[in-house]
Amino acid sequence: GVVGPTGAGKSTLIRLLLRHYEPGSGQLRLGGQALPELSL
């Protein structure tokens, strides 16, 4: 569950997971693989 006030970054977190944007730093991994290593 992801909660917080308006403008807290909840939808931004989802957009990064969907790869609508690339993160400035850090990494997201799905199934042990970094998202950029997966084809879209």
PDB file of all heavy atoms in Angstrom:
ATOM      1  N   GLY A   1       0.836  -1.191   0.000  1.00  0.00           N
ATOM      2  CA  GLY A   1       0.000   0.000   0.000  1.00  0.00           C
ATOM      3  C   GLY A   1       0.871   1.240   0.000  1.00  0.00           C
ATOM      4  O   GLY A   1       1.838   1.322   0.766  1.00  0.00           O
ATOM      5  N   VAL A   2       0.553   2.212  -0.851  1.00  0.00           N
ATOM      6  CA  VAL A   2       1.313   3.464  -0.936  1.00  0.00           C
ATOM      7  C   VAL A   2       0.347   4.605  -0.681  1.00  0.00           C
ATOM      8  O   VAL A   2      -0.617   4.802  -1.437  1.00  0.00           O
ATOM      9  CB  VAL A   2       1.982   3.624  -2.313  1.00  0.00           C
ATOM     10  CG1 VAL A   2       2.811   4.910  -2.356  1.00  0.00           C
ATOM     11  CG2 VAL A   2       2.860   2.426  -2.637  1.00  0.00           C
ATOM     12  N   VAL A   3       0.574   5.356   0.387  1.00  0.00           N
ATOM     13  CA  VAL A   3      -0.310   6.453   0.749  1.00  0.00           C
ATOM     14  C   VAL A   3       0.529   7.695   1.035  1.00  0.00           C
ATOM     15  O   VAL A   3       1.753   7.635   1.137  1.00  0.00           O
ATOM     16  CB  VAL A   3      -1.171   6.096   1.988  1.00  0.00           C
ATOM     17  CG1 VAL A   3      -2.067   4.912   1.691  1.00  0.00           C
ATOM     18  CG2 VAL A   3      -0.282   5.808   3.201  1.00  0.00           C
ATOM     19  N   GLY A   4      -0.156   8.795   1.187  1.00  0.00           N
ATOM     20  CA  GLY A   4       0.521  10.050   1.484  1.00  0.00           C
ATOM     21  C   GLY A   4      -0.289  11.215   0.970  1.00  0.00           C
ATOM     22  O   GLY A   4      -1.242  11.037   0.182  1.00  0.00           O
ATOM     23  N   PRO A   5       0.046  12.426   1.359  1.00  0.00           N
ATOM     24  CA  PRO A   5      -0.693  13.605   0.915  1.00  0.00           C
ATOM     25  C   PRO A   5      -0.488  13.855  -0.581  1.00  0.00           C
ATOM     26  O   PRO A   5       0.407  13.278  -1.212  1.00  0.00           O
ATOM     27  CB  PRO A   5      -0.110  14.740   1.770  1.00  0.00           C
ATOM     28  CG  PRO A   5       1.257  14.266   2.142  1.00  0.00           C
ATOM     29  CD  PRO A   5       1.148  12.782   2.298  1.00  0.00           C
ATOM     30  N   THR A   6      -1.291  14.738  -1.146  1.00  0.00           N
ATOM     31  CA  THR A   6      -1.169  15.103  -2.555  1.00  0.00           C
ATOM     32  C   THR A   6       0.211  15.697  -2.831  1.00  0.00           C
ATOM     33  O   THR A   6       0.704  16.527  -2.070  1.00  0.00           O
ATOM     34  CB  THR A   6      -2.252  16.126  -2.929  1.00  0.00           C
ATOM     35  OG1 THR A   6      -3.543  15.561  -2.662  1.00  0.00           O
ATOM     36  CG2 THR A   6      -2.155  16.517  -4.392  1.00  0.00           C
ATOM     37  N   GLY A   7       0.820  15.245  -3.947  1.00  0.00           N
ATOM     38  CA  GLY A   7       2.138  15.765  -4.314  1.00  0.00           C
ATOM     39  C   GLY A   7       3.283  15.115  -3.571  1.00  0.00           C
ATOM     40  O   GLY A   7       4.412  15.601  -3.635  1.00  0.00           O
ATOM     41  N   ALA A   8       3.026  13.993  -2.871  1.00  0.00           N
ATOM     42  CA  ALA A   8       4.073  13.353  -2.080  1.00  0.00           C
ATOM     43  C   ALA A   8       5.019  12.521  -2.936  1.00  0.00           C
ATOM     44  O   ALA A   8       6.116  12.182  -2.497  1.00  0.00           O
ATOM     45  CB  ALA A   8       3.447  12.462  -1.002  1.00  0.00           C
ATOM     46  N   GLY A   9       4.602  12.157  -4.174  1.00  0.00           N
ATOM     47  CA  GLY A   9       5.451  11.348  -5.041  1.00  0.00           C
ATOM     48  C   GLY A   9       4.913   9.956  -5.312  1.00  0.00           C
ATOM     49  O   GLY A   9       5.625   9.112  -5.866  1.00  0.00           O
ATOM     50  N   LYS A  10       3.661   9.702  -4.954  1.00  0.00           N
ATOM     51  CA  LYS A  10       3.089   8.354  -5.125  1.00  0.00           C
ATOM     52  C   LYS A  10       3.011   7.974  -6.604  1.00  0.00           C
ATOM     53  O   LYS A  10       3.482   6.906  -7.012  1.00  0.00           O
ATOM     54  CB  LYS A  10       1.695   8.291  -4.484  1.00  0.00           C
ATOM     55  CG  LYS A  10       1.664   8.659  -3.001  1.00  0.00           C
ATOM     56  CD  LYS A  10       0.287   8.486  -2.403  1.00  0.00           C
ATOM     57  CE  LYS A  10      -0.747   9.431  -2.998  1.00  0.00           C
ATOM     58  NZ  LYS A  10      -0.435  10.864  -2.735  1.00  0.00           N
ATOM     59  N   SER A  11       2.405   8.826  -7.406  1.00  0.00           N
ATOM     60  CA  SER A  11       2.279   8.522  -8.836  1.00  0.00           C
ATOM     61  C   SER A  11       3.634   8.556  -9.530  1.00  0.00           C
ATOM     62  O   SER A  11       3.854   7.831 -10.512  1.00  0.00           O
ATOM     63  CB  SER A  11       1.317   9.517  -9.506  1.00  0.00           C
ATOM     64  OG  SER A  11      -0.005   9.324  -9.036  1.00  0.00           O
ATOM     65  N   THR A  12       4.541   9.377  -9.036  1.00  0.00           N
ATOM     66  CA  THR A  12       5.892   9.416  -9.605  1.00  0.00           C
ATOM     67  C   THR A  12       6.578   8.070  -9.438  1.00  0.00           C
ATOM     68  O   THR A  12       7.256   7.581 -10.356  1.00  0.00           O
ATOM     69  CB  THR A  12       6.725  10.521  -8.923  1.00  0.00           C
ATOM     70  OG1 THR A  12       6.090  11.788  -9.142  1.00  0.00           O
ATOM     71  CG2 THR A  12       8.138  10.555  -9.477  1.00  0.00           C
ATOM     72  N   LEU A  13       6.404   7.461  -8.274  1.00  0.00           N
ATOM     73  CA  LEU A  13       6.987   6.139  -8.035  1.00  0.00           C
ATOM     74  C   LEU A  13       6.444   5.122  -9.043  1.00  0.00           C
ATOM     75  O   LEU A  13       7.199   4.307  -9.590  1.00  0.00           O
ATOM     76  CB  LEU A  13       6.674   5.690  -6.607  1.00  0.00           C
ATOM     77  CG  LEU A  13       7.189   4.300  -6.198  1.00  0.00           C
ATOM     78  CD1 LEU A  13       8.707   4.250  -6.258  1.00  0.00           C
ATOM     79  CD2 LEU A  13       6.682   3.937  -4.806  1.00  0.00           C
ATOM     80  N   ILE A  14       5.144   5.190  -9.331  1.00  0.00           N
ATOM     81  CA  ILE A  14       4.537   4.271 -10.292  1.00  0.00           C
ATOM     82  C   ILE A  14       5.061   4.551 -11.698  1.00  0.00           C
ATOM     83  O   ILE A  14       5.336   3.619 -12.474  1.00  0.00           O
ATOM     84  CB  ILE A  14       3.001   4.391 -10.256  1.00  0.00           C
ATOM     85  CG1 ILE A  14       2.465   4.054  -8.860  1.00  0.00           C
ATOM     86  CG2 ILE A  14       2.378   3.506 -11.311  1.00  0.00           C
ATOM     87  CD1 ILE A  14       2.872   2.682  -8.355  1.00  0.00           C
ATOM     88  N   ARG A  15       5.219   5.820 -12.048  1.00  0.00           N
ATOM     89  CA  ARG A  15       5.729   6.150 -13.385  1.00  0.00           C
ATOM     90  C   ARG A  15       7.142   5.618 -13.596  1.00  0.00           C
ATOM     91  O   ARG A  15       7.498   5.179 -14.695  1.00  0.00           O
ATOM     92  CB  ARG A  15       5.707   7.672 -13.594  1.00  0.00           C
ATOM     93  CG  ARG A  15       4.303   8.257 -13.666  1.00  0.00           C
ATOM     94  CD  ARG A  15       4.337   9.708 -14.096  1.00  0.00           C
ATOM     95  NE  ARG A  15       2.993  10.299 -14.070  1.00  0.00           N
ATOM     96  CZ  ARG A  15       2.587  11.189 -13.189  1.00  0.00           C
ATOM     97  NH1 ARG A  15       3.425  11.623 -12.244  1.00  0.00           N
ATOM     98  NH2 ARG A  15       1.365  11.682 -13.230  1.00  0.00           N
ATOM     99  N   LEU A  16       7.957   5.657 -12.564  1.00  0.00           N
ATOM    100  CA  LEU A  16       9.308   5.103 -12.680  1.00  0.00           C
ATOM    101  C   LEU A  16       9.257   3.587 -12.822  1.00  0.00           C
ATOM    102  O   LEU A  16      10.050   2.995 -13.563  1.00  0.00           O
ATOM    103  CB  LEU A  16      10.142   5.499 -11.458  1.00  0.00           C
ATOM    104  CG  LEU A  16      10.461   6.989 -11.326  1.00  0.00           C
ATOM    105  CD1 LEU A  16      11.205   7.251 -10.021  1.00  0.00           C
ATOM    106  CD2 LEU A  16      11.294   7.475 -12.503  1.00  0.00           C
ATOM    107  N   LEU A  17       8.334   2.956 -12.124  1.00  0.00           N
ATOM    108  CA  LEU A  17       8.190   1.510 -12.239  1.00  0.00           C
ATOM    109  C   LEU A  17       7.722   1.124 -13.643  1.00  0.00           C
ATOM    110  O   LEU A  17       8.146   0.101 -14.199  1.00  0.00           O
ATOM    111  CB  LEU A  17       7.199   1.009 -11.188  1.00  0.00           C
ATOM    112  CG  LEU A  17       6.891  -0.491 -11.180  1.00  0.00           C
ATOM    113  CD1 LEU A  17       8.172  -1.303 -11.008  1.00  0.00           C
ATOM    114  CD2 LEU A  17       5.910  -0.822 -10.063  1.00  0.00           C
ATOM    115  N   LEU A  18       6.872   1.957 -14.243  1.00  0.00           N
ATOM    116  CA  LEU A  18       6.395   1.706 -15.603  1.00  0.00           C
ATOM    117  C   LEU A  18       7.399   2.144 -16.664  1.00  0.00           C
ATOM    118  O   LEU A  18       7.168   1.954 -17.855  1.00  0.00           O
ATOM    119  CB  LEU A  18       5.076   2.458 -15.830  1.00  0.00           C
ATOM    120  CG  LEU A  18       3.881   2.006 -14.985  1.00  0.00           C
ATOM    121  CD1 LEU A  18       2.756   3.025 -15.087  1.00  0.00           C
ATOM    122  CD2 LEU A  18       3.393   0.643 -15.445  1.00  0.00           C
ATOM    123  N   ARG A  19       8.494   2.750 -16.218  1.00  0.00           N
ATOM    124  CA  ARG A  19       9.531   3.295 -17.095  1.00  0.00           C
ATOM    125  C   ARG A  19       8.998   4.391 -18.009  1.00  0.00           C
ATOM    126  O   ARG A  19       9.415   4.539 -19.159  1.00  0.00           O
ATOM    127  CB  ARG A  19      10.203   2.203 -17.937  1.00  0.00           C
ATOM    128  CG  ARG A  19      11.217   1.371 -17.186  1.00  0.00           C
ATOM    129  CD  ARG A  19      12.209   0.699 -18.113  1.00  0.00           C
ATOM    130  NE  ARG A  19      13.076   1.680 -18.761  1.00  0.00           N
ATOM    131  CZ  ARG A  19      13.789   1.422 -19.860  1.00  0.00           C
ATOM    132  NH1 ARG A  19      13.715   0.241 -20.452  1.00  0.00           N
ATOM    133  NH2 ARG A  19      14.572   2.340 -20.393  1.00  0.00           N
ATOM    134  N   HIS A  20       8.078   5.197 -17.492  1.00  0.00           N
ATOM    135  CA  HIS A  20       7.702   6.409 -18.198  1.00  0.00           C
ATOM    136  C   HIS A  20       8.846   7.412 -18.119  1.00  0.00           C
ATOM    137  O   HIS A  20       8.999   8.253 -19.002  1.00  0.00           O
ATOM    138  CB  HIS A  20       6.432   7.015 -17.593  1.00  0.00           C
ATOM    139  CG  HIS A  20       5.208   6.219 -17.892  1.00  0.00           C
ATOM    140  ND1 HIS A  20       3.960   6.525 -17.389  1.00  0.00           N
ATOM    141  CD2 HIS A  20       5.017   5.102 -18.648  1.00  0.00           C
ATOM    142  CE1 HIS A  20       3.077   5.647 -17.823  1.00  0.00           C
ATOM    143  NE2 HIS A  20       3.693   4.774 -18.579  1.00  0.00           N
ATOM    144  N   TYR A  21       9.614   7.326 -17.058  1.00  0.00           N
ATOM    145  CA  TYR A  21      10.809   8.144 -16.859  1.00  0.00           C
ATOM    146  C   TYR A  21      11.929   7.249 -16.357  1.00  0.00           C
ATOM    147  O   TYR A  21      11.691   6.150 -15.855  1.00  0.00           O
ATOM    148  CB  TYR A  21      10.562   9.260 -15.834  1.00  0.00           C
ATOM    149  CG  TYR A  21       9.521  10.276 -16.239  1.00  0.00           C
ATOM    150  CD1 TYR A  21       8.174  10.107 -15.902  1.00  0.00           C
ATOM    151  CD2 TYR A  21       9.879  11.410 -16.945  1.00  0.00           C
ATOM    152  CE1 TYR A  21       7.211  11.035 -16.274  1.00  0.00           C
ATOM    153  CE2 TYR A  21       8.928  12.350 -17.317  1.00  0.00           C
ATOM    154  CZ  TYR A  21       7.603  12.163 -16.983  1.00  0.00           C
ATOM    155  OH  TYR A  21       6.659  13.085 -17.348  1.00  0.00           O
ATOM    156  N   GLU A  22      13.165   7.729 -16.514  1.00  0.00           N
ATOM    157  CA  GLU A  22      14.316   7.022 -15.975  1.00  0.00           C
ATOM    158  C   GLU A  22      14.716   7.680 -14.657  1.00  0.00           C
ATOM    159  O   GLU A  22      14.711   8.913 -14.543  1.00  0.00           O
ATOM    160  CB  GLU A  22      15.497   7.072 -16.962  1.00  0.00           C
ATOM    161  CG  GLU A  22      15.216   6.402 -18.303  1.00  0.00           C
ATOM    162  CD  GLU A  22      15.071   4.902 -18.187  1.00  0.00           C
ATOM    163  OE1 GLU A  22      15.289   4.351 -17.086  1.00  0.00           O
ATOM    164  OE2 GLU A  22      14.724   4.266 -19.202  1.00  0.00           O
ATOM    165  N   PRO A  23      15.061   6.908 -13.650  1.00  0.00           N
ATOM    166  CA  PRO A  23      15.447   7.494 -12.359  1.00  0.00           C
ATOM    167  C   PRO A  23      16.752   8.275 -12.453  1.00  0.00           C
ATOM    168  O   PRO A  23      17.615   7.958 -13.285  1.00  0.00           O
ATOM    169  CB  PRO A  23      15.588   6.275 -11.446  1.00  0.00           C
ATOM    170  CG  PRO A  23      15.871   5.141 -12.379  1.00  0.00           C
ATOM    171  CD  PRO A  23      15.124   5.445 -13.627  1.00  0.00           C
ATOM    172  N   GLY A  24      16.868   9.292 -11.594  1.00  0.00           N
ATOM    173  CA  GLY A  24      18.116  10.046 -11.562  1.00  0.00           C
ATOM    174  C   GLY A  24      19.240   9.236 -10.954  1.00  0.00           C
ATOM    175  O   GLY A  24      20.395   9.302 -11.395  1.00  0.00           O
ATOM    176  N   SER A  25      18.926   8.468  -9.925  1.00  0.00           N
ATOM    177  CA  SER A  25      19.897   7.581  -9.291  1.00  0.00           C
ATOM    178  C   SER A  25      19.133   6.423  -8.655  1.00  0.00           C
ATOM    179  O   SER A  25      17.924   6.489  -8.458  1.00  0.00           O
ATOM    180  CB  SER A  25      20.720   8.330  -8.239  1.00  0.00           C
ATOM    181  OG  SER A  25      19.886   8.823  -7.199  1.00  0.00           O
ATOM    182  N   GLY A  26      19.856   5.375  -8.307  1.00  0.00           N
ATOM    183  CA  GLY A  26      19.214   4.215  -7.724  1.00  0.00           C
ATOM    184  C   GLY A  26      18.751   3.239  -8.784  1.00  0.00           C
ATOM    185  O   GLY A  26      19.020   3.400  -9.983  1.00  0.00           O
ATOM    186  N   GLN A  27      18.049   2.217  -8.352  1.00  0.00           N
ATOM    187  CA  GLN A  27      17.682   1.142  -9.270  1.00  0.00           C
ATOM    188  C   GLN A  27      16.369   0.489  -8.865  1.00  0.00           C
ATOM    189  O   GLN A  27      16.055   0.377  -7.679  1.00  0.00           O
ATOM    190  CB  GLN A  27      18.797   0.091  -9.279  1.00  0.00           C
ATOM    191  CG  GLN A  27      18.725  -0.914 -10.415  1.00  0.00           C
ATOM    192  CD  GLN A  27      19.924  -1.838 -10.416  1.00  0.00           C
ATOM    193  OE1 GLN A  27      20.151  -2.573  -9.455  1.00  0.00           O
ATOM    194  NE2 GLN A  27      20.716  -1.801 -11.489  1.00  0.00           N
ATOM    195  N   LEU A  28      15.602   0.082  -9.872  1.00  0.00           N
ATOM    196  CA  LEU A  28      14.407  -0.734  -9.665  1.00  0.00           C
ATOM    197  C   LEU A  28      14.658  -2.088 -10.314  1.00  0.00           C
ATOM    198  O   LEU A  28      15.122  -2.159 -11.469  1.00  0.00           O
ATOM    199  CB  LEU A  28      13.171  -0.096 -10.300  1.00  0.00           C
ATOM    200  CG  LEU A  28      12.700   1.256  -9.739  1.00  0.00           C
ATOM    201  CD1 LEU A  28      13.281   2.400 -10.563  1.00  0.00           C
ATOM    202  CD2 LEU A  28      11.170   1.338  -9.753  1.00  0.00           C
ATOM    203  N   ARG A  29      14.349  -3.161  -9.599  1.00  0.00           N
ATOM    204  CA  ARG A  29      14.548  -4.514 -10.135  1.00  0.00           C
ATOM    205  C   ARG A  29      13.250  -5.298 -10.007  1.00  0.00           C
ATOM    206  O   ARG A  29      12.571  -5.238  -8.974  1.00  0.00           O
ATOM    207  CB  ARG A  29      15.672  -5.237  -9.391  1.00  0.00           C
ATOM    208  CG  ARG A  29      17.054  -4.638  -9.617  1.00  0.00           C
ATOM    209  CD  ARG A  29      18.144  -5.573  -9.100  1.00  0.00           C
ATOM    210  NE  ARG A  29      18.055  -5.744  -7.664  1.00  0.00           N
ATOM    211  CZ  ARG A  29      18.602  -4.921  -6.767  1.00  0.00           C
ATOM    212  NH1 ARG A  29      19.273  -3.864  -7.187  1.00  0.00           N
ATOM    213  NH2 ARG A  29      18.481  -5.162  -5.472  1.00  0.00           N
ATOM    214  N   LEU A  30      12.921  -6.018 -11.074  1.00  0.00           N
ATOM    215  CA  LEU A  30      11.742  -6.866 -11.101  1.00  0.00           C
ATOM    216  C   LEU A  30      12.204  -8.290 -11.412  1.00  0.00           C
ATOM    217  O   LEU A  30      12.842  -8.528 -12.433  1.00  0.00           O
ATOM    218  CB  LEU A  30      10.750  -6.391 -12.166  1.00  0.00           C
ATOM    219  CG  LEU A  30       9.393  -7.090 -12.198  1.00  0.00           C
ATOM    220  CD1 LEU A  30       8.621  -6.830 -10.908  1.00  0.00           C
ATOM    221  CD2 LEU A  30       8.581  -6.626 -13.407  1.00  0.00           C
ATOM    222  N   GLY A  31      11.884  -9.204 -10.504  1.00  0.00           N
ATOM    223  CA  GLY A  31      12.349 -10.571 -10.683  1.00  0.00           C
ATOM    224  C   GLY A  31      13.862 -10.681 -10.662  1.00  0.00           C
ATOM    225  O   GLY A  31      14.427 -11.569 -11.322  1.00  0.00           O
ATOM    226  N   GLY A  32      14.518  -9.781  -9.933  1.00  0.00           N
ATOM    227  CA  GLY A  32      15.975  -9.792  -9.832  1.00  0.00           C
ATOM    228  C   GLY A  32      16.683  -9.093 -10.971  1.00  0.00           C
ATOM    229  O   GLY A  32      17.920  -8.979 -10.964  1.00  0.00           O
ATOM    230  N   GLN A  33      15.953  -8.586 -11.974  1.00  0.00           N
ATOM    231  CA  GLN A  33      16.559  -7.922 -13.125  1.00  0.00           C
ATOM    232  C   GLN A  33      16.276  -6.422 -13.085  1.00  0.00           C
ATOM    233  O   GLN A  33      15.148  -6.005 -12.808  1.00  0.00           O
ATOM    234  CB  GLN A  33      15.991  -8.508 -14.435  1.00  0.00           C
ATOM    235  CG  GLN A  33      16.141 -10.016 -14.570  1.00  0.00           C
ATOM    236  CD  GLN A  33      17.587 -10.458 -14.628  1.00  0.00           C
ATOM    237  OE1 GLN A  33      18.461  -9.697 -15.045  1.00  0.00           O
ATOM    238  NE2 GLN A  33      17.856 -11.691 -14.211  1.00  0.00           N
ATOM    239  N   ALA A  34      17.309  -5.619 -13.360  1.00  0.00           N
ATOM    240  CA  ALA A  34      17.115  -4.176 -13.453  1.00  0.00           C
ATOM    241  C   ALA A  34      16.152  -3.867 -14.596  1.00  0.00           C
ATOM    242  O   ALA A  34      16.214  -4.503 -15.662  1.00  0.00           O
ATOM    243  CB  ALA A  34      18.453  -3.474 -13.676  1.00  0.00           C
ATOM    244  N   LEU A  35      15.269  -2.912 -14.405  1.00  0.00           N
ATOM    245  CA  LEU A  35      14.248  -2.632 -15.411  1.00  0.00           C
ATOM    246  C   LEU A  35      14.830  -2.326 -16.799  1.00  0.00           C
ATOM    247  O   LEU A  35      14.293  -2.795 -17.808  1.00  0.00           O
ATOM    248  CB  LEU A  35      13.350  -1.479 -14.955  1.00  0.00           C
ATOM    249  CG  LEU A  35      12.489  -1.729 -13.712  1.00  0.00           C
ATOM    250  CD1 LEU A  35      11.452  -0.629 -13.567  1.00  0.00           C
ATOM    251  CD2 LEU A  35      11.807  -3.087 -13.766  1.00  0.00           C
ATOM    252  N   PRO A  36      15.935  -1.546 -16.908  1.00  0.00           N
ATOM    253  CA  PRO A  36      16.473  -1.282 -18.253  1.00  0.00           C
ATOM    254  C   PRO A  36      16.985  -2.529 -18.961  1.00  0.00           C
ATOM    255  O   PRO A  36      17.157  -2.515 -20.185  1.00  0.00           O
ATOM    256  CB  PRO A  36      17.621  -0.295 -17.986  1.00  0.00           C
ATOM    257  CG  PRO A  36      17.277   0.355 -16.689  1.00  0.00           C
ATOM    258  CD  PRO A  36      16.615  -0.723 -15.892  1.00  0.00           C
ATOM    259  N   GLU A  37      17.250  -3.617 -18.212  1.00  0.00           N
ATOM    260  CA  GLU A  37      17.726  -4.849 -18.840  1.00  0.00           C
ATOM    261  C   GLU A  37      16.585  -5.641 -19.469  1.00  0.00           C
ATOM    262  O   GLU A  37      16.819  -6.527 -20.292  1.00  0.00           O
ATOM    263  CB  GLU A  37      18.438  -5.722 -17.801  1.00  0.00           C
ATOM    264  CG  GLU A  37      19.716  -5.087 -17.250  1.00  0.00           C
ATOM    265  CD  GLU A  37      20.348  -5.935 -16.169  1.00  0.00           C
ATOM    266  OE1 GLU A  37      19.762  -6.992 -15.820  1.00  0.00           O
ATOM    267  OE2 GLU A  37      21.413  -5.561 -15.663  1.00  0.00           O
ATOM    268  N   LEU A  38      15.350  -5.313 -19.084  1.00  0.00           N
ATOM    269  CA  LEU A  38      14.178  -5.949 -19.686  1.00  0.00           C
ATOM    270  C   LEU A  38      13.746  -5.153 -20.912  1.00  0.00           C
ATOM    271  O   LEU A  38      13.820  -3.931 -20.928  1.00  0.00           O
ATOM    272  CB  LEU A  38      13.016  -6.003 -18.691  1.00  0.00           C
ATOM    273  CG  LEU A  38      13.267  -6.712 -17.358  1.00  0.00           C
ATOM    274  CD1 LEU A  38      12.072  -6.495 -16.438  1.00  0.00           C
ATOM    275  CD2 LEU A  38      13.505  -8.195 -17.572  1.00  0.00           C
ATOM    276  N   SER A  39      13.306  -5.858 -21.935  1.00  0.00           N
ATOM    277  CA  SER A  39      12.714  -5.134 -23.060  1.00  0.00           C
ATOM    278  C   SER A  39      11.421  -4.480 -22.590  1.00  0.00           C
ATOM    279  O   SER A  39      10.770  -4.953 -21.654  1.00  0.00           O
ATOM    280  CB  SER A  39      12.431  -6.084 -24.226  1.00  0.00           C
ATOM    281  OG  SER A  39      11.390  -6.981 -23.889  1.00  0.00           O
ATOM    282  N   LEU A  40      11.049  -3.373 -23.229  1.00  0.00           N
ATOM    283  CA  LEU A  40       9.824  -2.687 -22.823  1.00  0.00           C
ATOM    284  C   LEU A  40       8.605  -3.595 -22.980  1.00  0.00           C
ATOM    285  O   LEU A  40       7.683  -3.555 -22.160  1.00  0.00           O
ATOM    286  CB  LEU A  40       9.638  -1.415 -23.657  1.00  0.00           C
ATOM    287  CG  LEU A  40      10.536  -0.230 -23.282  1.00  0.00           C
ATOM    288  CD1 LEU A  40      10.322   0.922 -24.242  1.00  0.00           C
ATOM    289  CD2 LEU A  40      10.292   0.213 -21.852  1.00  0.00           C
TER     290      LEU A  40
END
